Amino acid sequence: GRGMEGLIELVNRLQDAFAALGQSCLLELPQIAVVGGQSAGKSSVLENCVSR
């Protein structure tokens, strides 16, 4: 959704601002892996998580 796009844009802008100051931006972002067979609904699960 638009909310996630806005969040990604914000994180990118923060990283750019820190880089311009010569600092690193160490954000602890969650990482996930979705595993399953073809047509098992992996994309649907991710889309539902992001839209909440």
PDB file of N, CA and C in Angstrom:
ATOM      1  N   GLY A   1       0.800  -1.184   0.000  1.00  0.00           N
ATOM      2  CA  GLY A   1       0.000   0.000   0.000  1.00  0.00           C
ATOM      3  C   GLY A   1       0.850   1.257   0.000  1.00  0.00           C
ATOM      4  N   ARG A   2       0.192   2.385  -0.017  1.00  0.00           N
ATOM      5  CA  ARG A   2       0.883   3.682  -0.022  1.00  0.00           C
ATOM      6  C   ARG A   2       1.682   3.871   1.260  1.00  0.00           C
ATOM      7  N   GLY A   3       1.203   3.333   2.366  1.00  0.00           N
ATOM      8  CA  GLY A   3       1.917   3.467   3.633  1.00  0.00           C
ATOM      9  C   GLY A   3       3.309   2.875   3.571  1.00  0.00           C
ATOM     10  N   MET A   4       3.443   1.712   2.970  1.00  0.00           N
ATOM     11  CA  MET A   4       4.752   1.075   2.865  1.00  0.00           C
ATOM     12  C   MET A   4       5.650   1.862   1.925  1.00  0.00           C
ATOM     13  N   GLU A   5       5.094   2.372   0.823  1.00  0.00           N
ATOM     14  CA  GLU A   5       5.895   3.177  -0.104  1.00  0.00           C
ATOM     15  C   GLU A   5       6.420   4.422   0.596  1.00  0.00           C
ATOM     16  N   GLY A   6       5.577   5.035   1.411  1.00  0.00           N
ATOM     17  CA  GLY A   6       6.001   6.214   2.164  1.00  0.00           C
ATOM     18  C   GLY A   6       7.094   5.883   3.159  1.00  0.00           C
ATOM     19  N   LEU A   7       6.989   4.731   3.797  1.00  0.00           N
ATOM     20  CA  LEU A   7       8.003   4.307   4.760  1.00  0.00           C
ATOM     21  C   LEU A   7       9.337   4.058   4.070  1.00  0.00           C
ATOM     22  N   ILE A   8       9.299   3.392   2.934  1.00  0.00           N
ATOM     23  CA  ILE A   8      10.529   3.123   2.185  1.00  0.00           C
ATOM     24  C   ILE A   8      11.176   4.434   1.761  1.00  0.00           C
ATOM     25  N   GLU A   9      10.356   5.373   1.285  1.00  0.00           N
ATOM     26  CA  GLU A   9      10.875   6.687   0.883  1.00  0.00           C
ATOM     27  C   GLU A   9      11.518   7.402   2.069  1.00  0.00           C
ATOM     28  N   LEU A  10      10.886   7.336   3.227  1.00  0.00           N
ATOM     29  CA  LEU A  10      11.422   7.974   4.426  1.00  0.00           C
ATOM     30  C   LEU A  10      12.760   7.359   4.829  1.00  0.00           C
ATOM     31  N   VAL A  11      12.848   6.048   4.833  1.00  0.00           N
ATOM     32  CA  VAL A  11      14.098   5.368   5.183  1.00  0.00           C
ATOM     33  C   VAL A  11      15.197   5.755   4.202  1.00  0.00           C
ATOM     34  N   ASN A  12      14.884   5.805   2.916  1.00  0.00           N
ATOM     35  CA  ASN A  12      15.877   6.207   1.918  1.00  0.00           C
ATOM     36  C   ASN A  12      16.355   7.629   2.164  1.00  0.00           C
ATOM     37  N   ARG A  13      15.440   8.531   2.496  1.00  0.00           N
ATOM     38  CA  ARG A  13      15.821   9.923   2.757  1.00  0.00           C
ATOM     39  C   ARG A  13      16.684  10.033   4.009  1.00  0.00           C
ATOM     40  N   LEU A  14      16.373   9.254   5.030  1.00  0.00           N
ATOM     41  CA  LEU A  14      17.203   9.243   6.234  1.00  0.00           C
ATOM     42  C   LEU A  14      18.611   8.748   5.924  1.00  0.00           C
ATOM     43  N   GLN A  15      18.710   7.682   5.141  1.00  0.00           N
ATOM     44  CA  GLN A  15      20.020   7.156   4.769  1.00  0.00           C
ATOM     45  C   GLN A  15      20.810   8.189   3.976  1.00  0.00           C
ATOM     46  N   ASP A  16      20.157   8.901   3.058  1.00  0.00           N
ATOM     47  CA  ASP A  16      20.825   9.949   2.279  1.00  0.00           C
ATOM     48  C   ASP A  16      21.310  11.081   3.181  1.00  0.00           C
ATOM     49  N   ALA A  17      20.481  11.478   4.148  1.00  0.00           N
ATOM     50  CA  ALA A  17      20.854  12.566   5.056  1.00  0.00           C
ATOM     51  C   ALA A  17      22.060  12.174   5.903  1.00  0.00           C
ATOM     52  N   PHE A  18      22.069  10.955   6.433  1.00  0.00           N
ATOM     53  CA  PHE A  18      23.207  10.497   7.220  1.00  0.00           C
ATOM     54  C   PHE A  18      24.465  10.427   6.360  1.00  0.00           C
ATOM     55  N   ALA A  19      24.337   9.952   5.130  1.00  0.00           N
ATOM     56  CA  ALA A  19      25.488   9.860   4.226  1.00  0.00           C
ATOM     57  C   ALA A  19      26.046  11.248   3.927  1.00  0.00           C
ATOM     58  N   ALA A  20      25.177  12.244   3.751  1.00  0.00           N
ATOM     59  CA  ALA A  20      25.621  13.613   3.480  1.00  0.00           C
ATOM     60  C   ALA A  20      26.407  14.181   4.659  1.00  0.00           C
ATOM     61  N   LEU A  21      26.101  13.706   5.862  1.00  0.00           N
ATOM     62  CA  LEU A  21      26.813  14.147   7.061  1.00  0.00           C
ATOM     63  C   LEU A  21      28.045  13.302   7.349  1.00  0.00           C
ATOM     64  N   GLY A  22      28.301  12.310   6.501  1.00  0.00           N
ATOM     65  CA  GLY A  22      29.448  11.429   6.713  1.00  0.00           C
ATOM     66  C   GLY A  22      29.231  10.421   7.818  1.00  0.00           C
ATOM     67  N   GLN A  23      27.987  10.159   8.136  1.00  0.00           N
ATOM     68  CA  GLN A  23      27.645   9.206   9.192  1.00  0.00           C
ATOM     69  C   GLN A  23      26.961   7.988   8.579  1.00  0.00           C
ATOM     70  N   SER A  24      27.049   6.884   9.291  1.00  0.00           N
ATOM     71  CA  SER A  24      26.310   5.710   8.833  1.00  0.00           C
ATOM     72  C   SER A  24      24.969   5.672   9.556  1.00  0.00           C
ATOM     73  N   CYS A  25      23.991   5.173   8.873  1.00  0.00           N
ATOM     74  CA  CYS A  25      22.638   5.067   9.419  1.00  0.00           C
ATOM     75  C   CYS A  25      22.363   3.587   9.645  1.00  0.00           C
ATOM     76  N   LEU A  26      22.542   3.154  10.872  1.00  0.00           N
ATOM     77  CA  LEU A  26      22.357   1.743  11.189  1.00  0.00           C
ATOM     78  C   LEU A  26      20.950   1.519  11.725  1.00  0.00           C
ATOM     79  N   LEU A  27      20.034   1.248  10.824  1.00  0.00           N
ATOM     80  CA  LEU A  27      18.663   0.957  11.216  1.00  0.00           C
ATOM     81  C   LEU A  27      18.494  -0.549  11.346  1.00  0.00           C
ATOM     82  N   GLU A  28      17.960  -0.973  12.458  1.00  0.00           N
ATOM     83  CA  GLU A  28      17.691  -2.390  12.686  1.00  0.00           C
ATOM     84  C   GLU A  28      16.344  -2.734  12.057  1.00  0.00           C
ATOM     85  N   LEU A  29      16.355  -3.052  10.781  1.00  0.00           N
ATOM     86  CA  LEU A  29      15.126  -3.382  10.074  1.00  0.00           C
ATOM     87  C   LEU A  29      14.874  -4.881  10.140  1.00  0.00           C
ATOM     88  N   PRO A  30      13.624  -5.286  10.292  1.00  0.00           N
ATOM     89  CA  PRO A  30      13.325  -6.722  10.342  1.00  0.00           C
ATOM     90  C   PRO A  30      13.579  -7.388   8.994  1.00  0.00           C
ATOM     91  N   GLN A  31      14.004  -8.626   9.056  1.00  0.00           N
ATOM     92  CA  GLN A  31      14.201  -9.423   7.851  1.00  0.00           C
ATOM     93  C   GLN A  31      13.382 -10.697   8.004  1.00  0.00           C
ATOM     94  N   ILE A  32      12.691 -11.059   6.947  1.00  0.00           N
ATOM     95  CA  ILE A  32      11.881 -12.272   6.986  1.00  0.00           C
ATOM     96  C   ILE A  32      12.118 -13.082   5.722  1.00  0.00           C
ATOM     97  N   ALA A  33      11.814 -14.342   5.812  1.00  0.00           N
ATOM     98  CA  ALA A  33      11.848 -15.228   4.647  1.00  0.00           C
ATOM     99  C   ALA A  33      10.520 -15.975   4.613  1.00  0.00           C
ATOM    100  N   VAL A  34       9.911 -16.015   3.451  1.00  0.00           N
ATOM    101  CA  VAL A  34       8.662 -16.751   3.269  1.00  0.00           C
ATOM    102  C   VAL A  34       8.966 -17.904   2.332  1.00  0.00           C
ATOM    103  N   VAL A  35       8.732 -19.100   2.814  1.00  0.00           N
ATOM    104  CA  VAL A  35       9.075 -20.303   2.065  1.00  0.00           C
ATOM    105  C   VAL A  35       7.808 -21.091   1.784  1.00  0.00           C
ATOM    106  N   GLY A  36       7.702 -21.614   0.578  1.00  0.00           N
ATOM    107  CA  GLY A  36       6.553 -22.429   0.229  1.00  0.00           C
ATOM    108  C   GLY A  36       6.569 -22.775  -1.238  1.00  0.00           C
ATOM    109  N   GLY A  37       5.749 -23.695  -1.583  1.00  0.00           N
ATOM    110  CA  GLY A  37       5.659 -24.145  -2.967  1.00  0.00           C
ATOM    111  C   GLY A  37       5.016 -23.106  -3.867  1.00  0.00           C
ATOM    112  N   GLN A  38       5.091 -23.372  -5.156  1.00  0.00           N
ATOM    113  CA  GLN A  38       4.492 -22.486  -6.144  1.00  0.00           C
ATOM    114  C   GLN A  38       2.983 -22.403  -5.909  1.00  0.00           C
ATOM    115  N   SER A  39       2.435 -21.224  -6.000  1.00  0.00           N
ATOM    116  CA  SER A  39       0.998 -20.970  -5.798  1.00  0.00           C
ATOM    117  C   SER A  39       0.520 -21.354  -4.400  1.00  0.00           C
ATOM    118  N   ALA A  40       1.409 -21.241  -3.400  1.00  0.00           N
ATOM    119  CA  ALA A  40       1.037 -21.580  -2.026  1.00  0.00           C
ATOM    120  C   ALA A  40       0.510 -20.380  -1.250  1.00  0.00           C
ATOM    121  N   GLY A  41       0.551 -19.174  -1.856  1.00  0.00           N
ATOM    122  CA  GLY A  41       0.022 -17.989  -1.195  1.00  0.00           C
ATOM    123  C   GLY A  41       1.060 -17.137  -0.487  1.00  0.00           C
ATOM    124  N   LYS A  42       2.337 -17.299  -0.836  1.00  0.00           N
ATOM    125  CA  LYS A  42       3.397 -16.524  -0.183  1.00  0.00           C
ATOM    126  C   LYS A  42       3.199 -15.020  -0.380  1.00  0.00           C
ATOM    127  N   SER A  43       2.925 -14.613  -1.592  1.00  0.00           N
ATOM    128  CA  SER A  43       2.726 -13.183  -1.874  1.00  0.00           C
ATOM    129  C   SER A  43       1.521 -12.643  -1.122  1.00  0.00           C
ATOM    130  N   SER A  44       0.473 -13.421  -1.033  1.00  0.00           N
ATOM    131  CA  SER A  44      -0.730 -12.983  -0.314  1.00  0.00           C
ATOM    132  C   SER A  44      -0.433 -12.766   1.164  1.00  0.00           C
ATOM    133  N   VAL A  45       0.353 -13.639   1.756  1.00  0.00           N
ATOM    134  CA  VAL A  45       0.725 -13.490   3.169  1.00  0.00           C
ATOM    135  C   VAL A  45       1.499 -12.193   3.366  1.00  0.00           C
ATOM    136  N   LEU A  46       2.492 -11.940   2.510  1.00  0.00           N
ATOM    137  CA  LEU A  46       3.281 -10.714   2.628  1.00  0.00           C
ATOM    138  C   LEU A  46       2.423  -9.475   2.417  1.00  0.00           C
ATOM    139  N   GLU A  47       1.558  -9.498   1.426  1.00  0.00           N
ATOM    140  CA  GLU A  47       0.691  -8.344   1.155  1.00  0.00           C
ATOM    141  C   GLU A  47      -0.218  -8.054   2.339  1.00  0.00           C
ATOM    142  N   ASN A  48      -0.735  -9.085   2.984  1.00  0.00           N
ATOM    143  CA  ASN A  48      -1.593  -8.885   4.154  1.00  0.00           C
ATOM    144  C   ASN A  48      -0.810  -8.327   5.331  1.00  0.00           C
ATOM    145  N   CYS A  49       0.421  -8.753   5.505  1.00  0.00           N
ATOM    146  CA  CYS A  49       1.254  -8.223   6.595  1.00  0.00           C
ATOM    147  C   CYS A  49       1.573  -6.753   6.371  1.00  0.00           C
ATOM    148  N   VAL A  50       1.875  -6.380   5.151  1.00  0.00           N
ATOM    149  CA  VAL A  50       2.264  -5.007   4.831  1.00  0.00           C
ATOM    150  C   VAL A  50       1.084  -4.055   4.940  1.00  0.00           C
ATOM    151  N   SER A  51      -0.097  -4.512   4.606  1.00  0.00           N
ATOM    152  CA  SER A  51      -1.255  -3.624   4.601  1.00  0.00           C
ATOM    153  C   SER A  51      -1.808  -3.357   5.993  1.00  0.00           C
ATOM    154  N   ARG A  52      -1.300  -3.995   7.004  1.00  0.00           N
ATOM    155  CA  ARG A  52      -1.817  -3.808   8.371  1.00  0.00           C
ATOM    156  C   ARG A  52      -1.034  -2.771   9.110  1.00  0.00           C
TER     157      ARG A  52
END
